[in-house]
All heavy atoms as atom14 arrays in JSON, in Angstrom:
{
  "sequence": "IGSHPEDDPMLTFNHGTNESVGIKSLLNSTKVMLALAYEM",
  "atom14_mask": [
    [1, 1, 1, 1, 1, 1, 1, 1, 0, 0, 0, 0, 0, 0],
    [1, 1, 1, 1, 0, 0, 0, 0, 0, 0, 0, 0, 0, 0],
    [1, 1, 1, 1, 1, 1, 0, 0, 0, 0, 0, 0, 0, 0],
    [1, 1, 1, 1, 1, 1, 1, 1, 1, 1, 0, 0, 0, 0],
    [1, 1, 1, 1, 1, 1, 1, 0, 0, 0, 0, 0, 0, 0],
    [1, 1, 1, 1, 1, 1, 1, 1, 1, 0, 0, 0, 0, 0],
    [1, 1, 1, 1, 1, 1, 1, 1, 0, 0, 0, 0, 0, 0],
    [1, 1, 1, 1, 1, 1, 1, 1, 0, 0, 0, 0, 0, 0],
    [1, 1, 1, 1, 1, 1, 1, 0, 0, 0, 0, 0, 0, 0],
    [1, 1, 1, 1, 1, 1, 1, 1, 0, 0, 0, 0, 0, 0],
    [1, 1, 1, 1, 1, 1, 1, 1, 0, 0, 0, 0, 0, 0],
    [1, 1, 1, 1, 1, 1, 1, 0, 0, 0, 0, 0, 0, 0],
    [1, 1, 1, 1, 1, 1, 1, 1, 1, 1, 1, 0, 0, 0],
    [1, 1, 1, 1, 1, 1, 1, 1, 0, 0, 0, 0, 0, 0],
    [1, 1, 1, 1, 1, 1, 1, 1, 1, 1, 0, 0, 0, 0],
    [1, 1, 1, 1, 0, 0, 0, 0, 0, 0, 0, 0, 0, 0],
    [1, 1, 1, 1, 1, 1, 1, 0, 0, 0, 0, 0, 0, 0],
    [1, 1, 1, 1, 1, 1, 1, 1, 0, 0, 0, 0, 0, 0],
    [1, 1, 1, 1, 1, 1, 1, 1, 1, 0, 0, 0, 0, 0],
    [1, 1, 1, 1, 1, 1, 0, 0, 0, 0, 0, 0, 0, 0],
    [1, 1, 1, 1, 1, 1, 1, 0, 0, 0, 0, 0, 0, 0],
    [1, 1, 1, 1, 0, 0, 0, 0, 0, 0, 0, 0, 0, 0],
    [1, 1, 1, 1, 1, 1, 1, 1, 0, 0, 0, 0, 0, 0],
    [1, 1, 1, 1, 1, 1, 1, 1, 1, 0, 0, 0, 0, 0],
    [1, 1, 1, 1, 1, 1, 0, 0, 0, 0, 0, 0, 0, 0],
    [1, 1, 1, 1, 1, 1, 1, 1, 0, 0, 0, 0, 0, 0],
    [1, 1, 1, 1, 1, 1, 1, 1, 0, 0, 0, 0, 0, 0],
    [1, 1, 1, 1, 1, 1, 1, 1, 0, 0, 0, 0, 0, 0],
    [1, 1, 1, 1, 1, 1, 0, 0, 0, 0, 0, 0, 0, 0],
    [1, 1, 1, 1, 1, 1, 1, 0, 0, 0, 0, 0, 0, 0],
    [1, 1, 1, 1, 1, 1, 1, 1, 1, 0, 0, 0, 0, 0],
    [1, 1, 1, 1, 1, 1, 1, 0, 0, 0, 0, 0, 0, 0],
    [1, 1, 1, 1, 1, 1, 1, 1, 0, 0, 0, 0, 0, 0],
    [1, 1, 1, 1, 1, 1, 1, 1, 0, 0, 0, 0, 0, 0],
    [1, 1, 1, 1, 1, 0, 0, 0, 0, 0, 0, 0, 0, 0],
    [1, 1, 1, 1, 1, 1, 1, 1, 0, 0, 0, 0, 0, 0],
    [1, 1, 1, 1, 1, 0, 0, 0, 0, 0, 0, 0, 0, 0],
    [1, 1, 1, 1, 1, 1, 1, 1, 1, 1, 1, 1, 0, 0],
    [1, 1, 1, 1, 1, 1, 1, 1, 1, 0, 0, 0, 0, 0],
    [1, 1, 1, 1, 1, 1, 1, 1, 0, 0, 0, 0, 0, 0]
  ],
  "atom14_positions": [
    [[0.83, -1.16, 0.01], [-0.01, -0.01, 0.01], [0.89, 1.21, 0.02], [1.75, 1.34, 0.86], [-0.89, 0.09, 1.27], [-1.82, -1.18, 1.23], [-1.67, 1.33, 1.32], [-2.8, -1.23, 2.51], [0.0, 0.0, 0.0], [0.0, 0.0, 0.0], [0.0, 0.0, 0.0], [0.0, 0.0, 0.0], [0.0, 0.0, 0.0], [0.0, 0.0, 0.0]],
    [[0.72, 2.14, -0.97], [1.58, 3.22, -1.07], [1.05, 4.42, -0.36], [1.13, 5.54, -0.93], [0.0, 0.0, 0.0], [0.0, 0.0, 0.0], [0.0, 0.0, 0.0], [0.0, 0.0, 0.0], [0.0, 0.0, 0.0], [0.0, 0.0, 0.0], [0.0, 0.0, 0.0], [0.0, 0.0, 0.0], [0.0, 0.0, 0.0], [0.0, 0.0, 0.0]],
    [[0.55, 4.26, 0.79], [-0.01, 5.42, 1.51], [1.05, 6.54, 1.73], [2.22, 6.22, 2.06], [-0.56, 5.01, 2.9], [-1.57, 4.11, 2.79], [0.0, 0.0, 0.0], [0.0, 0.0, 0.0], [0.0, 0.0, 0.0], [0.0, 0.0, 0.0], [0.0, 0.0, 0.0], [0.0, 0.0, 0.0], [0.0, 0.0, 0.0], [0.0, 0.0, 0.0]],
    [[0.63, 7.75, 1.51], [1.52, 8.85, 1.69], [1.39, 9.37, 3.12], [0.25, 9.47, 3.62], [1.23, 10.0, 0.71], [2.27, 11.04, 0.62], [2.36, 12.05, 1.55], [3.36, 11.17, -0.25], [3.41, 12.8, 1.23], [3.99, 12.32, 0.19], [0.0, 0.0, 0.0], [0.0, 0.0, 0.0], [0.0, 0.0, 0.0], [0.0, 0.0, 0.0]],
    [[2.44, 9.62, 3.81], [2.35, 10.04, 5.29], [1.59, 11.32, 5.45], [1.11, 11.55, 6.6], [3.78, 10.18, 5.71], [4.63, 10.26, 4.52], [3.83, 9.61, 3.43], [0.0, 0.0, 0.0], [0.0, 0.0, 0.0], [0.0, 0.0, 0.0], [0.0, 0.0, 0.0], [0.0, 0.0, 0.0], [0.0, 0.0, 0.0], [0.0, 0.0, 0.0]],
    [[1.44, 12.16, 4.41], [0.72, 13.43, 4.59], [-0.76, 13.33, 4.35], [-1.54, 14.25, 4.64], [1.27, 14.5, 3.66], [2.74, 14.93, 4.04], [3.3, 15.95, 3.09], [2.53, 16.48, 2.27], [4.46, 16.18, 3.14], [0.0, 0.0, 0.0], [0.0, 0.0, 0.0], [0.0, 0.0, 0.0], [0.0, 0.0, 0.0], [0.0, 0.0, 0.0]],
    [[-1.26, 12.15, 3.86], [-2.69, 11.96, 3.66], [-3.3, 11.62, 5.01], [-2.76, 10.86, 5.76], [-2.91, 10.79, 2.67], [-2.99, 11.31, 1.24], [-3.14, 12.51, 0.99], [-2.82, 10.46, 0.37], [0.0, 0.0, 0.0], [0.0, 0.0, 0.0], [0.0, 0.0, 0.0], [0.0, 0.0, 0.0], [0.0, 0.0, 0.0], [0.0, 0.0, 0.0]],
    [[-4.49, 12.14, 5.22], [-5.21, 11.87, 6.45], [-5.87, 10.5, 6.42], [-6.75, 10.33, 5.56], [-6.28, 12.98, 6.68], [-7.0, 12.87, 7.97], [-6.86, 11.84, 8.67], [-7.69, 13.84, 8.29], [0.0, 0.0, 0.0], [0.0, 0.0, 0.0], [0.0, 0.0, 0.0], [0.0, 0.0, 0.0], [0.0, 0.0, 0.0], [0.0, 0.0, 0.0]],
    [[-5.5, 9.54, 7.25], [-6.08, 8.26, 7.21], [-7.6, 8.19, 7.48], [-8.3, 7.34, 7.09], [-5.3, 7.41, 8.28], [-4.69, 8.41, 9.11], [-4.48, 9.69, 8.29], [0.0, 0.0, 0.0], [0.0, 0.0, 0.0], [0.0, 0.0, 0.0], [0.0, 0.0, 0.0], [0.0, 0.0, 0.0], [0.0, 0.0, 0.0], [0.0, 0.0, 0.0]],
    [[-8.08, 9.29, 8.1], [-9.49, 9.34, 8.41], [-10.33, 9.74, 7.18], [-11.54, 9.59, 7.13], [-9.79, 10.4, 9.51], [-9.15, 10.02, 10.82], [-9.55, 8.34, 11.44], [-11.28, 8.55, 11.76], [0.0, 0.0, 0.0], [0.0, 0.0, 0.0], [0.0, 0.0, 0.0], [0.0, 0.0, 0.0], [0.0, 0.0, 0.0], [0.0, 0.0, 0.0]],
    [[-9.63, 10.17, 6.08], [-10.31, 10.54, 4.85], [-10.22, 9.39, 3.78], [-10.76, 9.61, 2.74], [-9.75, 11.81, 4.27], [-9.82, 13.06, 5.16], [-9.23, 14.22, 4.48], [-11.32, 13.35, 5.44], [0.0, 0.0, 0.0], [0.0, 0.0, 0.0], [0.0, 0.0, 0.0], [0.0, 0.0, 0.0], [0.0, 0.0, 0.0], [0.0, 0.0, 0.0]],
    [[-9.52, 8.34, 4.16], [-9.43, 7.22, 3.22], [-10.38, 6.07, 3.7], [-10.36, 5.67, 4.83], [-7.99, 6.71, 3.28], [-7.13, 7.71, 2.85], [-7.81, 5.44, 2.35], [0.0, 0.0, 0.0], [0.0, 0.0, 0.0], [0.0, 0.0, 0.0], [0.0, 0.0, 0.0], [0.0, 0.0, 0.0], [0.0, 0.0, 0.0], [0.0, 0.0, 0.0]],
    [[-11.23, 5.63, 2.8], [-12.17, 4.65, 3.13], [-11.98, 3.42, 2.24], [-12.67, 3.27, 1.25], [-13.64, 5.16, 2.96], [-13.9, 6.39, 3.79], [-13.85, 7.68, 3.18], [-14.12, 6.29, 5.12], [-14.08, 8.8, 3.98], [-14.39, 7.4, 5.96], [-14.34, 8.64, 5.29], [0.0, 0.0, 0.0], [0.0, 0.0, 0.0], [0.0, 0.0, 0.0]],
    [[-10.94, 2.58, 2.53], [-10.68, 1.42, 1.78], [-11.78, 0.43, 1.91], [-12.08, 0.01, 3.06], [-9.31, 0.8, 2.22], [-8.15, 1.75, 1.84], [-8.21, 2.43, 0.91], [-7.18, 1.78, 2.77], [0.0, 0.0, 0.0], [0.0, 0.0, 0.0], [0.0, 0.0, 0.0], [0.0, 0.0, 0.0], [0.0, 0.0, 0.0], [0.0, 0.0, 0.0]],
    [[-12.31, -0.05, 0.8], [-13.34, -1.1, 0.82], [-14.59, -0.68, 1.55], [-15.28, -1.57, 2.12], [-12.75, -2.41, 1.32], [-11.48, -2.84, 0.63], [-11.39, -2.94, -0.7], [-10.23, -3.05, 1.15], [-10.15, -3.32, -1.01], [-9.43, -3.32, 0.09], [0.0, 0.0, 0.0], [0.0, 0.0, 0.0], [0.0, 0.0, 0.0], [0.0, 0.0, 0.0]],
    [[-14.86, 0.53, 1.72], [-16.07, 1.01, 2.38], [-17.13, 1.42, 1.35], [-16.94, 1.33, 0.12], [0.0, 0.0, 0.0], [0.0, 0.0, 0.0], [0.0, 0.0, 0.0], [0.0, 0.0, 0.0], [0.0, 0.0, 0.0], [0.0, 0.0, 0.0], [0.0, 0.0, 0.0], [0.0, 0.0, 0.0], [0.0, 0.0, 0.0], [0.0, 0.0, 0.0]],
    [[-18.25, 1.9, 1.86], [-19.31, 2.39, 0.99], [-18.86, 3.5, 0.08], [-19.11, 3.5, -1.08], [-20.55, 2.85, 1.86], [-20.91, 1.82, 2.73], [-21.69, 3.27, 0.99], [0.0, 0.0, 0.0], [0.0, 0.0, 0.0], [0.0, 0.0, 0.0], [0.0, 0.0, 0.0], [0.0, 0.0, 0.0], [0.0, 0.0, 0.0], [0.0, 0.0, 0.0]],
    [[-18.11, 4.39, 0.64], [-17.6, 5.52, -0.15], [-16.07, 5.32, -0.28], [-15.25, 6.18, 0.1], [-17.83, 6.9, 0.59], [-19.3, 7.15, 0.63], [-20.02, 6.89, -0.22], [-19.69, 7.7, 1.83], [0.0, 0.0, 0.0], [0.0, 0.0, 0.0], [0.0, 0.0, 0.0], [0.0, 0.0, 0.0], [0.0, 0.0, 0.0], [0.0, 0.0, 0.0]],
    [[-15.68, 4.18, -0.94], [-14.28, 3.87, -1.04], [-13.49, 4.95, -1.78], [-13.89, 5.49, -2.78], [-14.11, 2.51, -1.88], [-12.71, 2.03, -1.94], [-12.63, 0.62, -2.4], [-13.61, 0.09, -2.95], [-11.61, 0.02, -2.26], [0.0, 0.0, 0.0], [0.0, 0.0, 0.0], [0.0, 0.0, 0.0], [0.0, 0.0, 0.0], [0.0, 0.0, 0.0]],
    [[-12.37, 5.36, -1.14], [-11.53, 6.42, -1.69], [-10.09, 6.28, -1.16], [-9.86, 5.46, -0.24], [-12.1, 7.79, -1.25], [-12.03, 7.93, 0.11], [0.0, 0.0, 0.0], [0.0, 0.0, 0.0], [0.0, 0.0, 0.0], [0.0, 0.0, 0.0], [0.0, 0.0, 0.0], [0.0, 0.0, 0.0], [0.0, 0.0, 0.0], [0.0, 0.0, 0.0]],
    [[-9.23, 7.02, -1.8], [-7.88, 7.07, -1.3], [-7.37, 8.47, -1.52], [-7.83, 9.16, -2.47], [-6.99, 6.02, -2.12], [-6.89, 6.37, -3.56], [-5.57, 5.92, -1.49], [0.0, 0.0, 0.0], [0.0, 0.0, 0.0], [0.0, 0.0, 0.0], [0.0, 0.0, 0.0], [0.0, 0.0, 0.0], [0.0, 0.0, 0.0], [0.0, 0.0, 0.0]],
    [[-6.47, 8.97, -0.75], [-6.01, 10.31, -0.88], [-5.21, 10.51, -2.17], [-4.56, 9.53, -2.67], [0.0, 0.0, 0.0], [0.0, 0.0, 0.0], [0.0, 0.0, 0.0], [0.0, 0.0, 0.0], [0.0, 0.0, 0.0], [0.0, 0.0, 0.0], [0.0, 0.0, 0.0], [0.0, 0.0, 0.0], [0.0, 0.0, 0.0], [0.0, 0.0, 0.0]],
    [[-5.2, 11.69, -2.7], [-4.53, 12.0, -3.94], [-3.05, 11.75, -3.83], [-2.35, 11.18, -4.73], [-4.76, 13.44, -4.44], [-6.2, 13.63, -4.76], [-3.92, 13.81, -5.55], [-6.78, 12.8, -5.89], [0.0, 0.0, 0.0], [0.0, 0.0, 0.0], [0.0, 0.0, 0.0], [0.0, 0.0, 0.0], [0.0, 0.0, 0.0], [0.0, 0.0, 0.0]],
    [[-2.41, 12.19, -2.74], [-0.97, 11.99, -2.58], [-0.66, 10.49, -2.47], [0.38, 10.03, -2.98], [-0.47, 12.66, -1.26], [-0.48, 14.2, -1.46], [0.02, 14.85, -0.23], [-0.03, 16.39, -0.35], [0.39, 17.08, 0.82], [0.0, 0.0, 0.0], [0.0, 0.0, 0.0], [0.0, 0.0, 0.0], [0.0, 0.0, 0.0], [0.0, 0.0, 0.0]],
    [[-1.49, 9.69, -1.83], [-1.26, 8.24, -1.74], [-1.42, 7.64, -3.16], [-0.67, 6.68, -3.54], [-2.28, 7.64, -0.75], [-1.96, 8.02, 0.5], [0.0, 0.0, 0.0], [0.0, 0.0, 0.0], [0.0, 0.0, 0.0], [0.0, 0.0, 0.0], [0.0, 0.0, 0.0], [0.0, 0.0, 0.0], [0.0, 0.0, 0.0], [0.0, 0.0, 0.0]],
    [[-2.41, 8.11, -3.91], [-2.61, 7.54, -5.31], [-1.34, 7.88, -6.15], [-0.8, 6.97, -6.83], [-3.8, 8.19, -5.95], [-4.1, 7.79, -7.4], [-4.32, 6.29, -7.53], [-5.27, 8.58, -7.93], [0.0, 0.0, 0.0], [0.0, 0.0, 0.0], [0.0, 0.0, 0.0], [0.0, 0.0, 0.0], [0.0, 0.0, 0.0], [0.0, 0.0, 0.0]],
    [[-0.88, 9.05, -6.08], [0.25, 9.48, -6.86], [1.58, 8.66, -6.43], [2.34, 8.21, -7.2], [0.55, 10.99, -6.81], [-0.53, 11.85, -7.43], [-0.27, 13.28, -7.17], [-0.63, 11.52, -8.93], [0.0, 0.0, 0.0], [0.0, 0.0, 0.0], [0.0, 0.0, 0.0], [0.0, 0.0, 0.0], [0.0, 0.0, 0.0], [0.0, 0.0, 0.0]],
    [[1.73, 8.58, -5.11], [2.88, 7.82, -4.57], [2.85, 6.33, -5.01], [3.87, 5.83, -5.44], [2.9, 7.97, -3.01], [4.16, 7.37, -2.4], [5.23, 7.88, -2.7], [4.04, 6.38, -1.55], [0.0, 0.0, 0.0], [0.0, 0.0, 0.0], [0.0, 0.0, 0.0], [0.0, 0.0, 0.0], [0.0, 0.0, 0.0], [0.0, 0.0, 0.0]],
    [[1.69, 5.72, -4.87], [1.53, 4.38, -5.24], [1.85, 4.18, -6.73], [2.52, 3.18, -7.12], [0.11, 3.82, -4.99], [-0.13, 3.84, -3.62], [0.0, 0.0, 0.0], [0.0, 0.0, 0.0], [0.0, 0.0, 0.0], [0.0, 0.0, 0.0], [0.0, 0.0, 0.0], [0.0, 0.0, 0.0], [0.0, 0.0, 0.0], [0.0, 0.0, 0.0]],
    [[1.34, 5.05, -7.57], [1.6, 4.96, -9.05], [3.06, 5.05, -9.33], [3.52, 4.31, -10.19], [0.74, 6.05, -9.75], [-0.61, 5.89, -9.39], [0.9, 5.93, -11.21], [0.0, 0.0, 0.0], [0.0, 0.0, 0.0], [0.0, 0.0, 0.0], [0.0, 0.0, 0.0], [0.0, 0.0, 0.0], [0.0, 0.0, 0.0], [0.0, 0.0, 0.0]],
    [[3.7, 6.03, -8.73], [5.16, 6.23, -9.02], [5.91, 4.96, -8.61], [6.83, 4.52, -9.37], [5.65, 7.42, -8.24], [5.18, 8.69, -8.83], [5.67, 9.85, -7.88], [5.11, 11.21, -8.32], [5.48, 12.29, -7.51], [0.0, 0.0, 0.0], [0.0, 0.0, 0.0], [0.0, 0.0, 0.0], [0.0, 0.0, 0.0], [0.0, 0.0, 0.0]],
    [[5.61, 4.37, -7.46], [6.35, 3.19, -6.99], [6.06, 2.01, -7.9], [7.01, 1.36, -8.28], [5.98, 2.86, -5.53], [6.56, 1.52, -5.14], [6.45, 3.97, -4.56], [0.0, 0.0, 0.0], [0.0, 0.0, 0.0], [0.0, 0.0, 0.0], [0.0, 0.0, 0.0], [0.0, 0.0, 0.0], [0.0, 0.0, 0.0], [0.0, 0.0, 0.0]],
    [[4.84, 1.77, -8.31], [4.54, 0.71, -9.19], [5.15, 0.84, -10.54], [5.66, -0.12, -11.12], [2.97, 0.51, -9.28], [2.33, 0.07, -8.02], [2.98, -1.53, -7.49], [2.03, -1.72, -5.95], [0.0, 0.0, 0.0], [0.0, 0.0, 0.0], [0.0, 0.0, 0.0], [0.0, 0.0, 0.0], [0.0, 0.0, 0.0], [0.0, 0.0, 0.0]],
    [[5.17, 2.02, -11.09], [5.81, 2.29, -12.37], [7.34, 2.05, -12.29], [7.91, 1.43, -13.17], [5.51, 3.66, -12.92], [4.11, 3.91, -13.44], [3.88, 5.4, -13.75], [3.8, 3.03, -14.66], [0.0, 0.0, 0.0], [0.0, 0.0, 0.0], [0.0, 0.0, 0.0], [0.0, 0.0, 0.0], [0.0, 0.0, 0.0], [0.0, 0.0, 0.0]],
    [[7.93, 2.52, -11.27], [9.35, 2.31, -11.08], [9.73, 0.82, -10.9], [10.65, 0.34, -11.5], [9.86, 3.09, -9.86], [0.0, 0.0, 0.0], [0.0, 0.0, 0.0], [0.0, 0.0, 0.0], [0.0, 0.0, 0.0], [0.0, 0.0, 0.0], [0.0, 0.0, 0.0], [0.0, 0.0, 0.0], [0.0, 0.0, 0.0], [0.0, 0.0, 0.0]],
    [[8.84, 0.1, -10.18], [9.06, -1.37, -10.0], [8.89, -2.07, -11.32], [9.74, -2.89, -11.65], [8.06, -1.89, -8.98], [8.1, -3.39, -8.72], [9.46, -3.75, -8.16], [6.98, -3.73, -7.76], [0.0, 0.0, 0.0], [0.0, 0.0, 0.0], [0.0, 0.0, 0.0], [0.0, 0.0, 0.0], [0.0, 0.0, 0.0], [0.0, 0.0, 0.0]],
    [[7.91, -1.79, -12.11], [7.7, -2.39, -13.41], [8.85, -2.06, -14.3], [9.37, -3.0, -15.06], [6.36, -1.89, -14.04], [0.0, 0.0, 0.0], [0.0, 0.0, 0.0], [0.0, 0.0, 0.0], [0.0, 0.0, 0.0], [0.0, 0.0, 0.0], [0.0, 0.0, 0.0], [0.0, 0.0, 0.0], [0.0, 0.0, 0.0], [0.0, 0.0, 0.0]],
    [[9.38, -0.85, -14.3], [10.51, -0.49, -15.18], [11.76, -1.26, -14.75], [12.5, -1.79, -15.63], [10.77, 1.06, -15.02], [11.96, 1.47, -15.8], [11.84, 1.68, -17.22], [13.18, 1.68, -15.26], [12.97, 2.12, -17.95], [14.28, 2.09, -15.96], [14.16, 2.34, -17.32], [15.17, 2.71, -18.06], [0.0, 0.0, 0.0], [0.0, 0.0, 0.0]],
    [[11.97, -1.37, -13.49], [13.14, -2.14, -12.99], [13.07, -3.63, -13.39], [14.06, -4.22, -13.7], [13.26, -2.0, -11.48], [13.8, -0.67, -11.03], [15.23, -0.43, -11.5], [16.05, -1.32, -11.5], [15.48, 0.73, -11.92], [0.0, 0.0, 0.0], [0.0, 0.0, 0.0], [0.0, 0.0, 0.0], [0.0, 0.0, 0.0], [0.0, 0.0, 0.0]],
    [[11.86, -4.14, -13.32], [11.69, -5.61, -13.66], [11.85, -5.85, -15.15], [12.17, -6.92, -15.57], [10.3, -6.07, -13.12], [10.25, -6.11, -11.61], [8.64, -6.62, -11.04], [8.73, -8.38, -11.37], [0.0, 0.0, 0.0], [0.0, 0.0, 0.0], [0.0, 0.0, 0.0], [0.0, 0.0, 0.0], [0.0, 0.0, 0.0], [0.0, 0.0, 0.0]]
  ]
}
């Protein structure tokens, strides 16, 4: 999970009715996954 430390965990509702993730966490996760795919 690429959670960003600056995202408020109370605003993230993983697998809930209003499922969401913070923008910084989304961007961080995307960068890490792209870097990992590139390395592989």
